[in-house]
Amino acid sequence: MVINISSVKTEALLLFCRDMIASYENSNEDIFSTSSELKLFIKEHIHDLKKAINVVVQPSEYYIRNIKVNRIKYIVNNYNDINKSISTHLSANPSFNPSMLCFALLATWFKELEHETTSKEFIYFGLYPYGEIYDKLIIQVTNQEYKSLNVKMIQIAEDVMLQLNRTR
């Protein structure tokens, strides 16, 4: 059986993003004071991403139930690698913006590294308007501390995705 490694890594990334969204979407923690317009903007885009992710990946139970299948085993291993790498980056400074990290991970994988550009199941993520997100969360933000945190998320995402890209 031939396994498309890029597709496996992409699915692992999407699973990780879905889990991160699920972990933080109902959190009322507001470390930085941002406008209600920005909060709504982020909430809407995260909701759209979660909806799109759920279309292309299976429920978590599927991966747990089928862990002995080679393709699933590779997905879970890549998921764990992503999780470990991000945890390592955040160990020194645990403050982070999960929504910006999610956007940055996907933008790096799909736009910068151009993975799955021809795959119809992942086309949504390649066409997603990441530039609009970056403009809102970095360029148009007046809170310098929040802006710096978002830039840190981009740096972490790029490092993690480059590491995933090199993984065999």
N, C-alpha and C. Protein backbone atom coordinates (compact mmCIF):
# COMPACT_ATOMS: atom_id res chain seq x y z
N MET A 1 0.83 -1.18 0.00
CA MET A 1 0.00 0.00 0.00
C MET A 1 0.88 1.24 0.00
N VAL A 2 0.62 2.14 -0.93
CA VAL A 2 1.37 3.38 -1.04
C VAL A 2 0.68 4.44 -0.20
N ILE A 3 1.46 5.11 0.63
CA ILE A 3 0.92 6.16 1.51
C ILE A 3 1.47 7.50 1.07
N ASN A 4 0.58 8.44 0.83
CA ASN A 4 0.97 9.80 0.48
C ASN A 4 1.40 10.52 1.76
N ILE A 5 2.70 10.68 1.93
CA ILE A 5 3.26 11.27 3.15
C ILE A 5 2.77 12.70 3.37
N SER A 6 2.69 13.48 2.31
CA SER A 6 2.22 14.85 2.44
C SER A 6 0.78 14.90 2.95
N SER A 7 -0.04 14.01 2.43
CA SER A 7 -1.44 13.93 2.85
C SER A 7 -1.55 13.50 4.31
N VAL A 8 -0.71 12.57 4.72
CA VAL A 8 -0.69 12.10 6.11
C VAL A 8 -0.30 13.24 7.04
N LYS A 9 0.73 13.98 6.69
CA LYS A 9 1.17 15.11 7.51
C LYS A 9 0.10 16.20 7.55
N THR A 10 -0.55 16.41 6.42
CA THR A 10 -1.60 17.42 6.36
C THR A 10 -2.76 17.03 7.28
N GLU A 11 -3.13 15.78 7.24
CA GLU A 11 -4.23 15.32 8.11
C GLU A 11 -3.84 15.44 9.58
N ALA A 12 -2.60 15.13 9.91
CA ALA A 12 -2.13 15.27 11.29
C ALA A 12 -2.19 16.73 11.73
N LEU A 13 -1.78 17.62 10.85
CA LEU A 13 -1.82 19.05 11.16
C LEU A 13 -3.26 19.52 11.38
N LEU A 14 -4.16 19.10 10.52
CA LEU A 14 -5.56 19.49 10.66
C LEU A 14 -6.16 18.93 11.95
N LEU A 15 -5.81 17.72 12.30
CA LEU A 15 -6.28 17.15 13.57
C LEU A 15 -5.76 17.95 14.75
N PHE A 16 -4.49 18.31 14.69
CA PHE A 16 -3.90 19.10 15.77
C PHE A 16 -4.62 20.45 15.88
N CYS A 17 -4.85 21.10 14.76
CA CYS A 17 -5.54 22.40 14.78
C CYS A 17 -6.96 22.25 15.32
N ARG A 18 -7.66 21.20 14.90
CA ARG A 18 -9.01 20.98 15.41
C ARG A 18 -9.00 20.79 16.92
N ASP A 19 -8.05 20.01 17.43
CA ASP A 19 -7.97 19.79 18.87
C ASP A 19 -7.62 21.07 19.61
N MET A 20 -6.73 21.87 19.03
CA MET A 20 -6.37 23.14 19.66
C MET A 20 -7.57 24.09 19.68
N ILE A 21 -8.30 24.15 18.59
CA ILE A 21 -9.50 24.98 18.54
C ILE A 21 -10.50 24.52 19.60
N ALA A 22 -10.72 23.22 19.68
CA ALA A 22 -11.67 22.67 20.65
C ALA A 22 -11.24 22.98 22.08
N SER A 23 -9.95 22.96 22.33
CA SER A 23 -9.44 23.22 23.68
C SER A 23 -9.63 24.67 24.12
N TYR A 24 -9.60 25.58 23.17
CA TYR A 24 -9.61 27.00 23.53
C TYR A 24 -10.83 27.78 23.06
N GLU A 25 -11.71 27.19 22.27
CA GLU A 25 -12.80 27.97 21.70
C GLU A 25 -13.81 28.46 22.73
N ASN A 26 -13.99 27.75 23.81
CA ASN A 26 -14.94 28.19 24.83
C ASN A 26 -14.26 28.87 26.02
N SER A 27 -12.99 29.13 25.87
CA SER A 27 -12.23 29.79 26.93
C SER A 27 -12.58 31.28 26.96
N ASN A 28 -12.88 31.76 28.13
CA ASN A 28 -13.18 33.19 28.28
C ASN A 28 -11.95 33.97 28.71
N GLU A 29 -10.81 33.31 28.69
CA GLU A 29 -9.56 33.95 29.09
C GLU A 29 -9.22 35.04 28.09
N ASP A 30 -9.06 36.24 28.59
CA ASP A 30 -8.77 37.39 27.74
C ASP A 30 -7.52 38.08 28.27
N ILE A 31 -6.37 37.60 27.81
CA ILE A 31 -5.10 38.12 28.30
C ILE A 31 -4.87 39.55 27.83
N PHE A 32 -5.27 39.84 26.60
CA PHE A 32 -5.07 41.16 26.03
C PHE A 32 -6.41 41.81 25.76
N SER A 33 -6.46 43.10 25.99
CA SER A 33 -7.70 43.80 25.67
C SER A 33 -7.68 44.12 24.18
N THR A 34 -8.60 43.51 23.47
CA THR A 34 -8.75 43.75 22.04
C THR A 34 -10.19 44.18 21.80
N SER A 35 -10.42 44.77 20.69
CA SER A 35 -11.77 45.25 20.38
C SER A 35 -12.74 44.09 20.22
N SER A 36 -13.99 44.36 20.48
CA SER A 36 -15.01 43.31 20.31
C SER A 36 -15.13 42.93 18.83
N GLU A 37 -14.82 43.88 17.95
CA GLU A 37 -14.83 43.61 16.51
C GLU A 37 -13.76 42.58 16.15
N LEU A 38 -12.57 42.73 16.73
CA LEU A 38 -11.49 41.78 16.47
C LEU A 38 -11.82 40.41 17.05
N LYS A 39 -12.38 40.39 18.25
CA LYS A 39 -12.77 39.12 18.87
C LYS A 39 -13.80 38.39 18.01
N LEU A 40 -14.77 39.12 17.49
CA LEU A 40 -15.79 38.53 16.63
C LEU A 40 -15.18 38.02 15.32
N PHE A 41 -14.26 38.81 14.76
CA PHE A 41 -13.56 38.43 13.53
C PHE A 41 -12.84 37.09 13.73
N ILE A 42 -12.10 36.98 14.82
CA ILE A 42 -11.36 35.76 15.12
C ILE A 42 -12.32 34.60 15.34
N LYS A 43 -13.36 34.83 16.12
CA LYS A 43 -14.32 33.77 16.42
C LYS A 43 -14.98 33.23 15.15
N GLU A 44 -15.35 34.12 14.24
CA GLU A 44 -15.98 33.70 12.99
C GLU A 44 -15.02 32.88 12.12
N HIS A 45 -13.78 33.34 12.02
CA HIS A 45 -12.81 32.63 11.19
C HIS A 45 -12.42 31.28 11.80
N ILE A 46 -12.30 31.23 13.10
CA ILE A 46 -12.01 29.96 13.76
C ILE A 46 -13.17 28.98 13.56
N HIS A 47 -14.39 29.48 13.67
CA HIS A 47 -15.57 28.64 13.44
C HIS A 47 -15.56 28.09 12.01
N ASP A 48 -15.24 28.93 11.03
CA ASP A 48 -15.17 28.49 9.63
C ASP A 48 -14.10 27.43 9.43
N LEU A 49 -12.93 27.64 10.06
CA LEU A 49 -11.85 26.67 9.95
C LEU A 49 -12.25 25.33 10.55
N LYS A 50 -12.84 25.38 11.73
CA LYS A 50 -13.24 24.15 12.40
C LYS A 50 -14.25 23.38 11.54
N LYS A 51 -15.17 24.10 10.96
CA LYS A 51 -16.17 23.47 10.10
C LYS A 51 -15.51 22.80 8.89
N ALA A 52 -14.56 23.48 8.27
CA ALA A 52 -13.85 22.93 7.11
C ALA A 52 -12.98 21.74 7.51
N ILE A 53 -12.33 21.83 8.65
CA ILE A 53 -11.50 20.73 9.13
C ILE A 53 -12.36 19.49 9.37
N ASN A 54 -13.51 19.68 9.97
CA ASN A 54 -14.40 18.55 10.26
C ASN A 54 -14.91 17.87 9.00
N VAL A 55 -14.90 18.57 7.89
CA VAL A 55 -15.34 17.98 6.62
C VAL A 55 -14.29 16.99 6.10
N VAL A 56 -13.01 17.29 6.31
CA VAL A 56 -11.96 16.47 5.70
C VAL A 56 -11.28 15.46 6.63
N VAL A 57 -11.46 15.60 7.94
CA VAL A 57 -10.85 14.63 8.85
C VAL A 57 -11.95 13.86 9.60
N GLN A 58 -11.57 12.72 10.10
CA GLN A 58 -12.50 11.85 10.82
C GLN A 58 -12.61 12.30 12.29
N PRO A 59 -13.63 11.84 12.98
CA PRO A 59 -13.71 12.08 14.43
C PRO A 59 -12.51 11.44 15.13
N SER A 60 -12.13 11.97 16.26
CA SER A 60 -10.96 11.48 17.00
C SER A 60 -11.05 9.99 17.31
N GLU A 61 -12.24 9.52 17.60
CA GLU A 61 -12.43 8.11 17.94
C GLU A 61 -11.99 7.19 16.80
N TYR A 62 -12.16 7.64 15.58
CA TYR A 62 -11.76 6.87 14.40
C TYR A 62 -10.26 6.56 14.44
N TYR A 63 -9.47 7.59 14.77
CA TYR A 63 -8.02 7.42 14.79
C TYR A 63 -7.59 6.51 15.95
N ILE A 64 -8.27 6.65 17.06
CA ILE A 64 -7.96 5.80 18.22
C ILE A 64 -8.32 4.35 17.92
N ARG A 65 -9.47 4.15 17.34
CA ARG A 65 -9.96 2.80 17.04
C ARG A 65 -9.10 2.11 15.98
N ASN A 66 -8.53 2.86 15.05
CA ASN A 66 -7.78 2.28 13.93
C ASN A 66 -6.27 2.51 14.02
N ILE A 67 -5.75 2.65 15.22
CA ILE A 67 -4.34 2.97 15.42
C ILE A 67 -3.39 1.93 14.83
N LYS A 68 -3.85 0.72 14.63
CA LYS A 68 -2.97 -0.33 14.09
C LYS A 68 -2.84 -0.26 12.56
N VAL A 69 -3.68 0.52 11.93
CA VAL A 69 -3.58 0.71 10.48
C VAL A 69 -2.39 1.64 10.23
N ASN A 70 -1.51 1.27 9.30
CA ASN A 70 -0.27 2.03 9.08
C ASN A 70 -0.51 3.51 8.81
N ARG A 71 -1.44 3.81 7.94
CA ARG A 71 -1.71 5.21 7.61
C ARG A 71 -2.11 6.01 8.86
N ILE A 72 -2.96 5.43 9.68
CA ILE A 72 -3.43 6.09 10.91
C ILE A 72 -2.27 6.22 11.89
N LYS A 73 -1.45 5.18 11.96
CA LYS A 73 -0.28 5.22 12.86
C LYS A 73 0.64 6.38 12.47
N TYR A 74 0.86 6.58 11.17
CA TYR A 74 1.70 7.69 10.70
C TYR A 74 1.05 9.04 11.02
N ILE A 75 -0.25 9.13 10.87
CA ILE A 75 -0.95 10.38 11.20
C ILE A 75 -0.78 10.71 12.68
N VAL A 76 -1.00 9.71 13.52
CA VAL A 76 -0.88 9.93 14.97
C VAL A 76 0.56 10.27 15.35
N ASN A 77 1.53 9.61 14.74
CA ASN A 77 2.94 9.93 15.03
C ASN A 77 3.27 11.37 14.63
N ASN A 78 2.79 11.81 13.47
CA ASN A 78 3.03 13.19 13.05
C ASN A 78 2.30 14.18 13.96
N TYR A 79 1.10 13.83 14.37
CA TYR A 79 0.34 14.65 15.32
C TYR A 79 1.16 14.83 16.60
N ASN A 80 1.68 13.73 17.12
CA ASN A 80 2.48 13.78 18.35
C ASN A 80 3.75 14.61 18.15
N ASP A 81 4.36 14.50 16.98
CA ASP A 81 5.55 15.31 16.69
C ASP A 81 5.22 16.80 16.70
N ILE A 82 4.10 17.16 16.09
CA ILE A 82 3.67 18.57 16.08
C ILE A 82 3.44 19.04 17.51
N ASN A 83 2.72 18.24 18.28
CA ASN A 83 2.41 18.59 19.65
C ASN A 83 3.67 18.77 20.49
N LYS A 84 4.60 17.83 20.36
CA LYS A 84 5.87 17.89 21.10
C LYS A 84 6.67 19.13 20.73
N SER A 85 6.74 19.40 19.45
CA SER A 85 7.51 20.54 18.98
C SER A 85 6.93 21.86 19.49
N ILE A 86 5.64 22.00 19.43
CA ILE A 86 5.01 23.23 19.93
C ILE A 86 5.18 23.33 21.43
N SER A 87 5.03 22.24 22.14
CA SER A 87 5.22 22.24 23.60
C SER A 87 6.63 22.67 23.96
N THR A 88 7.60 22.20 23.20
CA THR A 88 8.99 22.58 23.43
C THR A 88 9.18 24.09 23.24
N HIS A 89 8.59 24.63 22.18
CA HIS A 89 8.70 26.07 21.92
C HIS A 89 8.02 26.89 23.02
N LEU A 90 6.93 26.38 23.54
CA LEU A 90 6.18 27.14 24.54
C LEU A 90 6.68 26.91 25.97
N SER A 91 7.58 25.98 26.17
CA SER A 91 8.06 25.69 27.52
C SER A 91 8.80 26.88 28.13
N ALA A 92 9.53 27.62 27.33
CA ALA A 92 10.27 28.78 27.83
C ALA A 92 9.33 29.95 28.15
N ASN A 93 8.34 30.15 27.31
CA ASN A 93 7.38 31.24 27.50
C ASN A 93 5.99 30.70 27.16
N PRO A 94 5.23 30.30 28.17
CA PRO A 94 3.97 29.61 27.91
C PRO A 94 2.81 30.47 27.39
N SER A 95 2.97 31.78 27.35
CA SER A 95 1.87 32.59 26.83
C SER A 95 1.79 32.45 25.32
N PHE A 96 0.58 32.22 24.84
CA PHE A 96 0.41 32.08 23.40
C PHE A 96 -1.01 32.40 22.99
N ASN A 97 -1.18 32.62 21.72
CA ASN A 97 -2.48 32.92 21.13
C ASN A 97 -2.85 31.73 20.26
N PRO A 98 -3.73 30.85 20.74
CA PRO A 98 -4.03 29.63 19.98
C PRO A 98 -4.63 29.90 18.60
N SER A 99 -5.43 30.95 18.47
CA SER A 99 -6.03 31.21 17.15
C SER A 99 -4.96 31.65 16.15
N MET A 100 -4.06 32.52 16.57
CA MET A 100 -2.99 32.96 15.66
C MET A 100 -2.06 31.80 15.34
N LEU A 101 -1.77 30.97 16.33
CA LEU A 101 -0.92 29.81 16.08
C LEU A 101 -1.57 28.88 15.06
N CYS A 102 -2.85 28.67 15.19
CA CYS A 102 -3.58 27.81 14.25
C CYS A 102 -3.52 28.39 12.83
N PHE A 103 -3.83 29.67 12.69
CA PHE A 103 -3.78 30.31 11.37
C PHE A 103 -2.37 30.24 10.79
N ALA A 104 -1.36 30.49 11.63
CA ALA A 104 0.02 30.50 11.16
C ALA A 104 0.49 29.10 10.75
N LEU A 105 0.10 28.09 11.49
CA LEU A 105 0.46 26.71 11.13
C LEU A 105 -0.10 26.37 9.75
N LEU A 106 -1.38 26.67 9.56
CA LEU A 106 -2.03 26.35 8.29
C LEU A 106 -1.47 27.19 7.14
N ALA A 107 -1.24 28.47 7.38
CA ALA A 107 -0.70 29.34 6.34
C ALA A 107 0.69 28.87 5.91
N THR A 108 1.51 28.51 6.88
CA THR A 108 2.85 28.05 6.56
C THR A 108 2.80 26.76 5.74
N TRP A 109 1.98 25.82 6.16
CA TRP A 109 1.91 24.52 5.50
C TRP A 109 1.31 24.63 4.09
N PHE A 110 0.19 25.32 3.99
CA PHE A 110 -0.53 25.35 2.72
C PHE A 110 -0.04 26.45 1.76
N LYS A 111 0.31 27.61 2.29
CA LYS A 111 0.70 28.72 1.41
C LYS A 111 2.21 28.78 1.17
N GLU A 112 2.97 28.77 2.25
CA GLU A 112 4.42 28.91 2.10
C GLU A 112 5.08 27.65 1.58
N LEU A 113 4.71 26.51 2.15
CA LEU A 113 5.32 25.25 1.71
C LEU A 113 4.55 24.60 0.57
N GLU A 114 3.38 25.13 0.27
CA GLU A 114 2.54 24.71 -0.85
C GLU A 114 2.21 23.23 -0.86
N HIS A 115 1.86 22.70 0.29
CA HIS A 115 1.44 21.31 0.36
C HIS A 115 -0.01 21.17 -0.06
N GLU A 116 -0.29 20.07 -0.73
CA GLU A 116 -1.65 19.69 -1.13
C GLU A 116 -2.34 20.73 -2.01
N THR A 117 -1.58 21.39 -2.86
CA THR A 117 -2.15 22.43 -3.74
C THR A 117 -3.08 21.85 -4.80
N THR A 118 -2.91 20.59 -5.12
CA THR A 118 -3.75 19.98 -6.16
C THR A 118 -4.78 19.01 -5.59
N SER A 119 -4.77 18.82 -4.30
CA SER A 119 -5.69 17.89 -3.67
C SER A 119 -7.04 18.57 -3.42
N LYS A 120 -8.09 18.02 -4.00
CA LYS A 120 -9.39 18.67 -3.88
C LYS A 120 -9.94 18.63 -2.46
N GLU A 121 -9.54 17.64 -1.67
CA GLU A 121 -10.04 17.58 -0.30
C GLU A 121 -9.44 18.67 0.60
N PHE A 122 -8.27 19.17 0.23
CA PHE A 122 -7.62 20.19 1.04
C PHE A 122 -7.58 21.57 0.37
N ILE A 123 -8.25 21.72 -0.75
CA ILE A 123 -8.19 22.96 -1.53
C ILE A 123 -8.65 24.18 -0.73
N TYR A 124 -9.63 24.01 0.14
CA TYR A 124 -10.13 25.11 0.96
C TYR A 124 -9.00 25.79 1.73
N PHE A 125 -8.10 24.98 2.28
CA PHE A 125 -7.04 25.51 3.12
C PHE A 125 -5.96 26.22 2.31
N GLY A 126 -5.82 25.86 1.07
CA GLY A 126 -4.88 26.55 0.18
C GLY A 126 -5.43 27.88 -0.29
N LEU A 127 -6.75 27.98 -0.40
CA LEU A 127 -7.39 29.21 -0.87
C LEU A 127 -7.78 30.15 0.26
N TYR A 128 -7.65 29.70 1.48
CA TYR A 128 -8.08 30.49 2.64
C TYR A 128 -7.36 31.85 2.68
N PRO A 129 -8.06 32.92 3.05
CA PRO A 129 -7.47 34.27 3.05
C PRO A 129 -6.59 34.56 4.28
N TYR A 130 -5.46 33.86 4.38
CA TYR A 130 -4.56 34.05 5.53
C TYR A 130 -4.03 35.48 5.61
N GLY A 131 -3.86 36.12 4.46
CA GLY A 131 -3.36 37.50 4.44
C GLY A 131 -4.28 38.43 5.20
N GLU A 132 -5.58 38.23 5.07
CA GLU A 132 -6.56 39.04 5.79
C GLU A 132 -6.41 38.85 7.30
N ILE A 133 -6.17 37.63 7.71
CA ILE A 133 -5.97 37.31 9.13
C ILE A 133 -4.71 38.01 9.63
N TYR A 134 -3.63 37.87 8.89
CA TYR A 134 -2.36 38.50 9.28
C TYR A 134 -2.52 40.01 9.37
N ASP A 135 -3.21 40.60 8.42
CA ASP A 135 -3.44 42.05 8.46
C ASP A 135 -4.16 42.45 9.74
N LYS A 136 -5.22 41.74 10.07
CA LYS A 136 -6.02 42.07 11.26
C LYS A 136 -5.26 41.83 12.55
N LEU A 137 -4.51 40.74 12.63
CA LEU A 137 -3.87 40.36 13.89
C LEU A 137 -2.45 40.89 14.07
N ILE A 138 -1.89 41.46 13.03
CA ILE A 138 -0.53 41.99 13.16
C ILE A 138 -0.46 43.45 12.72
N ILE A 139 -0.85 43.75 11.52
CA ILE A 139 -0.71 45.10 10.97
C ILE A 139 -1.66 46.09 11.65
N GLN A 140 -2.93 45.72 11.77
CA GLN A 140 -3.93 46.66 12.27
C GLN A 140 -4.07 46.70 13.79
N VAL A 141 -3.39 45.82 14.49
CA VAL A 141 -3.47 45.78 15.95
C VAL A 141 -2.62 46.90 16.55
N THR A 142 -3.19 47.61 17.51
CA THR A 142 -2.46 48.72 18.14
C THR A 142 -1.73 48.30 19.41
N ASN A 143 -2.18 47.22 20.05
CA ASN A 143 -1.54 46.72 21.26
C ASN A 143 -0.24 46.02 20.87
N GLN A 144 0.89 46.63 21.20
CA GLN A 144 2.20 46.12 20.79
C GLN A 144 2.53 44.77 21.40
N GLU A 145 2.09 44.55 22.62
CA GLU A 145 2.34 43.27 23.28
C GLU A 145 1.59 42.14 22.55
N TYR A 146 0.35 42.41 22.18
CA TYR A 146 -0.46 41.44 21.44
C TYR A 146 0.14 41.19 20.06
N LYS A 147 0.60 42.24 19.42
CA LYS A 147 1.24 42.12 18.11
C LYS A 147 2.50 41.26 18.21
N SER A 148 3.31 41.49 19.23
CA SER A 148 4.54 40.72 19.43
C SER A 148 4.23 39.25 19.67
N LEU A 149 3.17 38.99 20.43
CA LEU A 149 2.77 37.62 20.68
C LEU A 149 2.36 36.93 19.38
N ASN A 150 1.64 37.64 18.53
CA ASN A 150 1.21 37.07 17.25
C ASN A 150 2.39 36.80 16.33
N VAL A 151 3.38 37.68 16.35
CA VAL A 151 4.59 37.46 15.55
C VAL A 151 5.33 36.23 16.08
N LYS A 152 5.35 36.06 17.40
CA LYS A 152 5.97 34.88 18.01
C LYS A 152 5.25 33.61 17.54
N MET A 153 3.93 33.66 17.42
CA MET A 153 3.16 32.50 16.96
C MET A 153 3.54 32.13 15.53
N ILE A 154 3.77 33.14 14.70
CA ILE A 154 4.19 32.89 13.32
C ILE A 154 5.56 32.23 13.29
N GLN A 155 6.46 32.71 14.13
CA GLN A 155 7.80 32.14 14.17
C GLN A 155 7.77 30.68 14.64
N ILE A 156 6.96 30.41 15.66
CA ILE A 156 6.82 29.03 16.14
C ILE A 156 6.23 28.16 15.04
N ALA A 157 5.17 28.64 14.41
CA ALA A 157 4.51 27.87 13.36
C ALA A 157 5.46 27.55 12.22
N GLU A 158 6.24 28.54 11.80
CA GLU A 158 7.19 28.30 10.70
C GLU A 158 8.22 27.26 11.09
N ASP A 159 8.74 27.37 12.30
CA ASP A 159 9.74 26.40 12.76
C ASP A 159 9.14 24.99 12.83
N VAL A 160 7.95 24.87 13.40
CA VAL A 160 7.31 23.57 13.55
C VAL A 160 6.96 22.97 12.18
N MET A 161 6.46 23.78 11.28
CA MET A 161 6.08 23.27 9.96
C MET A 161 7.29 22.90 9.12
N LEU A 162 8.38 23.66 9.24
CA LEU A 162 9.60 23.29 8.53
C LEU A 162 10.15 21.98 9.06
N GLN A 163 10.05 21.80 10.38
CA GLN A 163 10.48 20.55 10.99
C GLN A 163 9.61 19.39 10.50
N LEU A 164 8.31 19.59 10.46
CA LEU A 164 7.40 18.55 9.96
C LEU A 164 7.68 18.24 8.49
N ASN A 165 7.96 19.26 7.72
CA ASN A 165 8.26 19.09 6.31
C ASN A 165 9.50 18.23 6.08
N ARG A 166 10.50 18.37 6.95
CA ARG A 166 11.74 17.60 6.83
C ARG A 166 11.61 16.18 7.36
N THR A 167 10.61 15.92 8.20
CA THR A 167 10.44 14.61 8.81
C THR A 167 10.12 13.56 7.76
N ARG A 168 10.75 12.43 7.86
CA ARG A 168 10.51 11.32 6.94
C ARG A 168 9.55 10.34 7.57
